[in-house]
Amino acid sequence: MDDSLFSNGGTMRGLSEKTIKLICKFFSDHDKAEVINIIKNKCGNNLPFLEDWTSVEMERIRFAVIKLSDGHLDKLQSVI
């Protein structure tokens, strides 16, 4: 895994290691940074009805979004 994805506190750019691993599994190296940015900024507590969800609960949503995208950026945007 690319060390540039790591940040302080054991998480990578604000996402869990499990989420990053799933992104790496589904997306090309070329798209990873953009996917991380999209997931981090558009698929979080800013979504309707998820304002009070914990990071663990949000991880379930993020996993579903990543899996439903099937490794395609356009589908990722659409699913979110």
PDB file of N, CA and C in Angstrom:
ATOM      1  N   MET A   1       0.845  -1.181   0.000  1.00  0.00           N
ATOM      2  CA  MET A   1       0.000   0.000   0.000  1.00  0.00           C
ATOM      3  C   MET A   1       0.883   1.235   0.000  1.00  0.00           C
ATOM      4  N   ASP A   2       0.462   2.239  -0.689  1.00  0.00           N
ATOM      5  CA  ASP A   2       1.205   3.484  -0.837  1.00  0.00           C
ATOM      6  C   ASP A   2       1.283   4.224   0.492  1.00  0.00           C
ATOM      7  N   ASP A   3       2.504   4.448   1.009  1.00  0.00           N
ATOM      8  CA  ASP A   3       2.691   5.135   2.281  1.00  0.00           C
ATOM      9  C   ASP A   3       2.192   6.570   2.252  1.00  0.00           C
ATOM     10  N   SER A   4       2.072   7.176   1.086  1.00  0.00           N
ATOM     11  CA  SER A   4       1.589   8.551   1.004  1.00  0.00           C
ATOM     12  C   SER A   4       0.118   8.653   1.397  1.00  0.00           C
ATOM     13  N   LEU A   5      -0.572   7.525   1.501  1.00  0.00           N
ATOM     14  CA  LEU A   5      -1.971   7.537   1.902  1.00  0.00           C
ATOM     15  C   LEU A   5      -2.135   7.653   3.410  1.00  0.00           C
ATOM     16  N   PHE A   6      -1.035   7.444   4.161  1.00  0.00           N
ATOM     17  CA  PHE A   6      -1.114   7.482   5.608  1.00  0.00           C
ATOM     18  C   PHE A   6      -1.083   8.896   6.145  1.00  0.00           C
ATOM     19  N   SER A   7      -1.792   9.100   7.243  1.00  0.00           N
ATOM     20  CA  SER A   7      -1.719  10.356   7.983  1.00  0.00           C
ATOM     21  C   SER A   7      -1.550  10.028   9.460  1.00  0.00           C
ATOM     22  N   ASN A   8      -1.591  10.987  10.314  1.00  0.00           N
ATOM     23  CA  ASN A   8      -1.406  10.775  11.750  1.00  0.00           C
ATOM     24  C   ASN A   8      -2.528   9.947  12.350  1.00  0.00           C
ATOM     25  N   GLY A   9      -2.194   9.256  13.451  1.00  0.00           N
ATOM     26  CA  GLY A   9      -3.208   8.557  14.223  1.00  0.00           C
ATOM     27  C   GLY A   9      -3.630   7.211  13.685  1.00  0.00           C
ATOM     28  N   GLY A  10      -2.910   6.645  12.733  1.00  0.00           N
ATOM     29  CA  GLY A  10      -3.225   5.315  12.246  1.00  0.00           C
ATOM     30  C   GLY A  10      -4.319   5.269  11.196  1.00  0.00           C
ATOM     31  N   THR A  11      -4.869   6.398  10.851  1.00  0.00           N
ATOM     32  CA  THR A  11      -5.844   6.404   9.763  1.00  0.00           C
ATOM     33  C   THR A  11      -5.196   7.046   8.554  1.00  0.00           C
ATOM     34  N   MET A  12      -5.768   6.828   7.420  1.00  0.00           N
ATOM     35  CA  MET A  12      -5.207   7.362   6.193  1.00  0.00           C
ATOM     36  C   MET A  12      -6.112   8.438   5.652  1.00  0.00           C
ATOM     37  N   ARG A  13      -5.593   9.640   5.670  1.00  0.00           N
ATOM     38  CA  ARG A  13      -6.359  10.781   5.147  1.00  0.00           C
ATOM     39  C   ARG A  13      -7.777  10.814   5.689  1.00  0.00           C
ATOM     40  N   GLY A  14      -7.936  10.481   6.966  1.00  0.00           N
ATOM     41  CA  GLY A  14      -9.240  10.560   7.608  1.00  0.00           C
ATOM     42  C   GLY A  14     -10.128   9.347   7.426  1.00  0.00           C
ATOM     43  N   LEU A  15      -9.663   8.318   6.738  1.00  0.00           N
ATOM     44  CA  LEU A  15     -10.429   7.097   6.541  1.00  0.00           C
ATOM     45  C   LEU A  15      -9.743   5.946   7.257  1.00  0.00           C
ATOM     46  N   SER A  16     -10.520   4.932   7.627  1.00  0.00           N
ATOM     47  CA  SER A  16      -9.937   3.774   8.302  1.00  0.00           C
ATOM     48  C   SER A  16      -9.057   2.965   7.351  1.00  0.00           C
ATOM     49  N   GLU A  17      -8.196   2.177   7.932  1.00  0.00           N
ATOM     50  CA  GLU A  17      -7.323   1.317   7.127  1.00  0.00           C
ATOM     51  C   GLU A  17      -8.142   0.320   6.309  1.00  0.00           C
ATOM     52  N   LYS A  18      -9.237  -0.175   6.887  1.00  0.00           N
ATOM     53  CA  LYS A  18     -10.102  -1.107   6.154  1.00  0.00           C
ATOM     54  C   LYS A  18     -10.718  -0.442   4.924  1.00  0.00           C
ATOM     55  N   THR A  19     -11.130   0.803   5.086  1.00  0.00           N
ATOM     56  CA  THR A  19     -11.717   1.527   3.951  1.00  0.00           C
ATOM     57  C   THR A  19     -10.682   1.740   2.855  1.00  0.00           C
ATOM     58  N   ILE A  20      -9.472   2.123   3.246  1.00  0.00           N
ATOM     59  CA  ILE A  20      -8.402   2.329   2.268  1.00  0.00           C
ATOM     60  C   ILE A  20      -8.069   1.026   1.548  1.00  0.00           C
ATOM     61  N   LYS A  21      -8.013  -0.066   2.282  1.00  0.00           N
ATOM     62  CA  LYS A  21      -7.726  -1.365   1.653  1.00  0.00           C
ATOM     63  C   LYS A  21      -8.795  -1.727   0.624  1.00  0.00           C
ATOM     64  N   LEU A  22     -10.047  -1.438   0.957  1.00  0.00           N
ATOM     65  CA  LEU A  22     -11.125  -1.728   0.020  1.00  0.00           C
ATOM     66  C   LEU A  22     -11.025  -0.849  -1.221  1.00  0.00           C
ATOM     67  N   ILE A  23     -10.683   0.420  -1.031  1.00  0.00           N
ATOM     68  CA  ILE A  23     -10.467   1.318  -2.168  1.00  0.00           C
ATOM     69  C   ILE A  23      -9.349   0.774  -3.052  1.00  0.00           C
ATOM     70  N   CYS A  24      -8.271   0.331  -2.439  1.00  0.00           N
ATOM     71  CA  CYS A  24      -7.137  -0.220  -3.196  1.00  0.00           C
ATOM     72  C   CYS A  24      -7.521  -1.483  -3.956  1.00  0.00           C
ATOM     73  N   LYS A  25      -8.436  -2.241  -3.408  1.00  0.00           N
ATOM     74  CA  LYS A  25      -8.888  -3.472  -4.064  1.00  0.00           C
ATOM     75  C   LYS A  25      -9.729  -3.159  -5.306  1.00  0.00           C
ATOM     76  N   PHE A  26     -10.557  -2.135  -5.227  1.00  0.00           N
ATOM     77  CA  PHE A  26     -11.512  -1.848  -6.303  1.00  0.00           C
ATOM     78  C   PHE A  26     -11.013  -0.855  -7.344  1.00  0.00           C
ATOM     79  N   PHE A  27     -10.116   0.059  -6.956  1.00  0.00           N
ATOM     80  CA  PHE A  27      -9.728   1.139  -7.857  1.00  0.00           C
ATOM     81  C   PHE A  27      -8.261   1.059  -8.259  1.00  0.00           C
ATOM     82  N   SER A  28      -7.959   1.595  -9.423  1.00  0.00           N
ATOM     83  CA  SER A  28      -6.588   1.612  -9.930  1.00  0.00           C
ATOM     84  C   SER A  28      -5.747   2.589  -9.117  1.00  0.00           C
ATOM     85  N   ASP A  29      -4.441   2.413  -9.188  1.00  0.00           N
ATOM     86  CA  ASP A  29      -3.518   3.332  -8.500  1.00  0.00           C
ATOM     87  C   ASP A  29      -3.750   4.770  -8.959  1.00  0.00           C
ATOM     88  N   HIS A  30      -4.063   4.926 -10.210  1.00  0.00           N
ATOM     89  CA  HIS A  30      -4.290   6.250 -10.792  1.00  0.00           C
ATOM     90  C   HIS A  30      -5.467   6.973 -10.127  1.00  0.00           C
ATOM     91  N   ASP A  31      -6.508   6.224  -9.738  1.00  0.00           N
ATOM     92  CA  ASP A  31      -7.739   6.812  -9.208  1.00  0.00           C
ATOM     93  C   ASP A  31      -7.800   6.885  -7.680  1.00  0.00           C
ATOM     94  N   LYS A  32      -6.902   6.216  -6.981  1.00  0.00           N
ATOM     95  CA  LYS A  32      -6.999   6.100  -5.518  1.00  0.00           C
ATOM     96  C   LYS A  32      -7.110   7.434  -4.798  1.00  0.00           C
ATOM     97  N   ALA A  33      -6.241   8.376  -5.108  1.00  0.00           N
ATOM     98  CA  ALA A  33      -6.248   9.664  -4.400  1.00  0.00           C
ATOM     99  C   ALA A  33      -7.576  10.382  -4.595  1.00  0.00           C
ATOM    100  N   GLU A  34      -8.107  10.352  -5.802  1.00  0.00           N
ATOM    101  CA  GLU A  34      -9.388  11.005  -6.073  1.00  0.00           C
ATOM    102  C   GLU A  34     -10.534  10.303  -5.347  1.00  0.00           C
ATOM    103  N   VAL A  35     -10.503   8.980  -5.332  1.00  0.00           N
ATOM    104  CA  VAL A  35     -11.533   8.207  -4.642  1.00  0.00           C
ATOM    105  C   VAL A  35     -11.504   8.496  -3.143  1.00  0.00           C
ATOM    106  N   ILE A  36     -10.311   8.522  -2.576  1.00  0.00           N
ATOM    107  CA  ILE A  36     -10.170   8.839  -1.151  1.00  0.00           C
ATOM    108  C   ILE A  36     -10.764  10.209  -0.860  1.00  0.00           C
ATOM    109  N   ASN A  37     -10.464  11.171  -1.686  1.00  0.00           N
ATOM    110  CA  ASN A  37     -10.990  12.514  -1.509  1.00  0.00           C
ATOM    111  C   ASN A  37     -12.521  12.540  -1.605  1.00  0.00           C
ATOM    112  N   ILE A  38     -13.062  11.843  -2.582  1.00  0.00           N
ATOM    113  CA  ILE A  38     -14.520  11.793  -2.761  1.00  0.00           C
ATOM    114  C   ILE A  38     -15.186  11.133  -1.565  1.00  0.00           C
ATOM    115  N   ILE A  39     -14.674   9.979  -1.166  1.00  0.00           N
ATOM    116  CA  ILE A  39     -15.269   9.244  -0.045  1.00  0.00           C
ATOM    117  C   ILE A  39     -15.183  10.077   1.238  1.00  0.00           C
ATOM    118  N   LYS A  40     -14.024  10.651   1.464  1.00  0.00           N
ATOM    119  CA  LYS A  40     -13.819  11.434   2.684  1.00  0.00           C
ATOM    120  C   LYS A  40     -14.728  12.665   2.744  1.00  0.00           C
ATOM    121  N   ASN A  41     -14.883  13.360   1.629  1.00  0.00           N
ATOM    122  CA  ASN A  41     -15.597  14.630   1.630  1.00  0.00           C
ATOM    123  C   ASN A  41     -17.073  14.552   1.256  1.00  0.00           C
ATOM    124  N   LYS A  42     -17.472  13.515   0.540  1.00  0.00           N
ATOM    125  CA  LYS A  42     -18.856  13.453   0.072  1.00  0.00           C
ATOM    126  C   LYS A  42     -19.644  12.269   0.614  1.00  0.00           C
ATOM    127  N   CYS A  43     -18.974  11.396   1.331  1.00  0.00           N
ATOM    128  CA  CYS A  43     -19.644  10.196   1.839  1.00  0.00           C
ATOM    129  C   CYS A  43     -19.376  10.071   3.336  1.00  0.00           C
ATOM    130  N   GLY A  44     -19.945  11.010   4.070  1.00  0.00           N
ATOM    131  CA  GLY A  44     -19.740  11.038   5.515  1.00  0.00           C
ATOM    132  C   GLY A  44     -20.975  11.548   6.209  1.00  0.00           C
ATOM    133  N   ASN A  45     -20.766  12.167   7.347  1.00  0.00           N
ATOM    134  CA  ASN A  45     -21.873  12.670   8.144  1.00  0.00           C
ATOM    135  C   ASN A  45     -22.601  13.842   7.480  1.00  0.00           C
ATOM    136  N   ASN A  46     -22.119  14.256   6.321  1.00  0.00           N
ATOM    137  CA  ASN A  46     -22.806  15.304   5.569  1.00  0.00           C
ATOM    138  C   ASN A  46     -23.998  14.750   4.778  1.00  0.00           C
ATOM    139  N   LEU A  47     -24.129  13.439   4.708  1.00  0.00           N
ATOM    140  CA  LEU A  47     -25.252  12.827   3.996  1.00  0.00           C
ATOM    141  C   LEU A  47     -26.531  12.946   4.825  1.00  0.00           C
ATOM    142  N   PRO A  48     -27.671  13.097   4.163  1.00  0.00           N
ATOM    143  CA  PRO A  48     -28.944  13.225   4.885  1.00  0.00           C
ATOM    144  C   PRO A  48     -29.208  12.040   5.816  1.00  0.00           C
ATOM    145  N   PHE A  49     -29.665  12.337   7.001  1.00  0.00           N
ATOM    146  CA  PHE A  49     -30.054  11.370   8.028  1.00  0.00           C
ATOM    147  C   PHE A  49     -28.866  10.643   8.670  1.00  0.00           C
ATOM    148  N   LEU A  50     -27.634  10.988   8.302  1.00  0.00           N
ATOM    149  CA  LEU A  50     -26.466  10.310   8.865  1.00  0.00           C
ATOM    150  C   LEU A  50     -25.614  11.238   9.736  1.00  0.00           C
ATOM    151  N   GLU A  51     -26.156  12.381  10.085  1.00  0.00           N
ATOM    152  CA  GLU A  51     -25.403  13.396  10.815  1.00  0.00           C
ATOM    153  C   GLU A  51     -24.846  12.890  12.149  1.00  0.00           C
ATOM    154  N   ASP A  52     -25.559  11.972  12.803  1.00  0.00           N
ATOM    155  CA  ASP A  52     -25.162  11.503  14.129  1.00  0.00           C
ATOM    156  C   ASP A  52     -24.493  10.135  14.120  1.00  0.00           C
ATOM    157  N   TRP A  53     -24.217   9.613  12.955  1.00  0.00           N
ATOM    158  CA  TRP A  53     -23.606   8.284  12.879  1.00  0.00           C
ATOM    159  C   TRP A  53     -22.147   8.331  13.319  1.00  0.00           C
ATOM    160  N   THR A  54     -21.686   7.248  13.928  1.00  0.00           N
ATOM    161  CA  THR A  54     -20.291   7.126  14.340  1.00  0.00           C
ATOM    162  C   THR A  54     -19.429   6.755  13.138  1.00  0.00           C
ATOM    163  N   SER A  55     -18.128   6.828  13.319  1.00  0.00           N
ATOM    164  CA  SER A  55     -17.211   6.459  12.233  1.00  0.00           C
ATOM    165  C   SER A  55     -17.376   4.987  11.847  1.00  0.00           C
ATOM    166  N   VAL A  56     -17.679   4.135  12.808  1.00  0.00           N
ATOM    167  CA  VAL A  56     -17.891   2.704  12.522  1.00  0.00           C
ATOM    168  C   VAL A  56     -19.156   2.518  11.682  1.00  0.00           C
ATOM    169  N   GLU A  57     -20.207   3.234  12.030  1.00  0.00           N
ATOM    170  CA  GLU A  57     -21.437   3.148  11.246  1.00  0.00           C
ATOM    171  C   GLU A  57     -21.231   3.707   9.840  1.00  0.00           C
ATOM    172  N   MET A  58     -20.496   4.789   9.727  1.00  0.00           N
ATOM    173  CA  MET A  58     -20.221   5.384   8.415  1.00  0.00           C
ATOM    174  C   MET A  58     -19.392   4.445   7.547  1.00  0.00           C
ATOM    175  N   GLU A  59     -18.538   3.662   8.171  1.00  0.00           N
ATOM    176  CA  GLU A  59     -17.715   2.723   7.418  1.00  0.00           C
ATOM    177  C   GLU A  59     -18.590   1.735   6.646  1.00  0.00           C
ATOM    178  N   ARG A  60     -19.694   1.324   7.228  1.00  0.00           N
ATOM    179  CA  ARG A  60     -20.619   0.410   6.536  1.00  0.00           C
ATOM    180  C   ARG A  60     -21.159   1.049   5.263  1.00  0.00           C
ATOM    181  N   ILE A  61     -21.510   2.329   5.348  1.00  0.00           N
ATOM    182  CA  ILE A  61     -22.021   3.045   4.179  1.00  0.00           C
ATOM    183  C   ILE A  61     -20.915   3.165   3.128  1.00  0.00           C
ATOM    184  N   ARG A  62     -19.728   3.528   3.576  1.00  0.00           N
ATOM    185  CA  ARG A  62     -18.606   3.684   2.644  1.00  0.00           C
ATOM    186  C   ARG A  62     -18.263   2.378   1.952  1.00  0.00           C
ATOM    187  N   PHE A  63     -18.285   1.269   2.689  1.00  0.00           N
ATOM    188  CA  PHE A  63     -18.024  -0.034   2.071  1.00  0.00           C
ATOM    189  C   PHE A  63     -19.052  -0.321   0.982  1.00  0.00           C
ATOM    190  N   ALA A  64     -20.311  -0.062   1.274  1.00  0.00           N
ATOM    191  CA  ALA A  64     -21.365  -0.319   0.293  1.00  0.00           C
ATOM    192  C   ALA A  64     -21.173   0.533  -0.952  1.00  0.00           C
ATOM    193  N   VAL A  65     -20.863   1.811  -0.755  1.00  0.00           N
ATOM    194  CA  VAL A  65     -20.652   2.726  -1.882  1.00  0.00           C
ATOM    195  C   VAL A  65     -19.484   2.250  -2.746  1.00  0.00           C
ATOM    196  N   ILE A  66     -18.393   1.866  -2.113  1.00  0.00           N
ATOM    197  CA  ILE A  66     -17.207   1.404  -2.847  1.00  0.00           C
ATOM    198  C   ILE A  66     -17.541   0.142  -3.638  1.00  0.00           C
ATOM    199  N   LYS A  67     -18.209  -0.797  -2.999  1.00  0.00           N
ATOM    200  CA  LYS A  67     -18.547  -2.054  -3.670  1.00  0.00           C
ATOM    201  C   LYS A  67     -19.529  -1.829  -4.830  1.00  0.00           C
ATOM    202  N   LEU A  68     -20.518  -0.978  -4.617  1.00  0.00           N
ATOM    203  CA  LEU A  68     -21.495  -0.701  -5.674  1.00  0.00           C
ATOM    204  C   LEU A  68     -20.879   0.041  -6.855  1.00  0.00           C
ATOM    205  N   SER A  69     -19.803   0.769  -6.614  1.00  0.00           N
ATOM    206  CA  SER A  69     -19.147   1.514  -7.698  1.00  0.00           C
ATOM    207  C   SER A  69     -18.433   0.595  -8.676  1.00  0.00           C
ATOM    208  N   ASP A  70     -18.093  -0.597  -8.222  1.00  0.00           N
ATOM    209  CA  ASP A  70     -17.406  -1.591  -9.052  1.00  0.00           C
ATOM    210  C   ASP A  70     -16.113  -1.045  -9.667  1.00  0.00           C
ATOM    211  N   GLY A  71     -15.470  -0.117  -8.937  1.00  0.00           N
ATOM    212  CA  GLY A  71     -14.179   0.397  -9.381  1.00  0.00           C
ATOM    213  C   GLY A  71     -14.240   1.479 -10.439  1.00  0.00           C
ATOM    214  N   HIS A  72     -15.412   2.101 -10.623  1.00  0.00           N
ATOM    215  CA  HIS A  72     -15.582   3.151 -11.630  1.00  0.00           C
ATOM    216  C   HIS A  72     -15.910   4.478 -10.958  1.00  0.00           C
ATOM    217  N   LEU A  73     -15.137   5.517 -11.266  1.00  0.00           N
ATOM    218  CA  LEU A  73     -15.350   6.831 -10.654  1.00  0.00           C
ATOM    219  C   LEU A  73     -16.741   7.391 -10.920  1.00  0.00           C
ATOM    220  N   ASP A  74     -17.227   7.251 -12.138  1.00  0.00           N
ATOM    221  CA  ASP A  74     -18.551   7.788 -12.441  1.00  0.00           C
ATOM    222  C   ASP A  74     -19.650   7.090 -11.647  1.00  0.00           C
ATOM    223  N   LYS A  75     -19.515   5.778 -11.479  1.00  0.00           N
ATOM    224  CA  LYS A  75     -20.486   5.036 -10.674  1.00  0.00           C
ATOM    225  C   LYS A  75     -20.366   5.423  -9.200  1.00  0.00           C
ATOM    226  N   LEU A  76     -19.153   5.681  -8.743  1.00  0.00           N
ATOM    227  CA  LEU A  76     -18.946   6.100  -7.359  1.00  0.00           C
ATOM    228  C   LEU A  76     -19.722   7.385  -7.083  1.00  0.00           C
ATOM    229  N   GLN A  77     -19.570   8.352  -7.955  1.00  0.00           N
ATOM    230  CA  GLN A  77     -20.289   9.630  -7.810  1.00  0.00           C
ATOM    231  C   GLN A  77     -21.792   9.399  -7.828  1.00  0.00           C
ATOM    232  N   SER A  78     -22.262   8.556  -8.706  1.00  0.00           N
ATOM    233  CA  SER A  78     -23.685   8.280  -8.851  1.00  0.00           C
ATOM    234  C   SER A  78     -24.235   7.580  -7.605  1.00  0.00           C
ATOM    235  N   VAL A  79     -23.509   6.631  -7.071  1.00  0.00           N
ATOM    236  CA  VAL A  79     -23.963   5.877  -5.909  1.00  0.00           C
ATOM    237  C   VAL A  79     -24.052   6.792  -4.681  1.00  0.00           C
ATOM    238  N   ILE A  80     -23.083   7.662  -4.527  1.00  0.00           N
ATOM    239  CA  ILE A  80     -23.108   8.594  -3.391  1.00  0.00           C
ATOM    240  C   ILE A  80     -24.300   9.515  -3.530  1.00  0.00           C
TER     241      ILE A  80
END
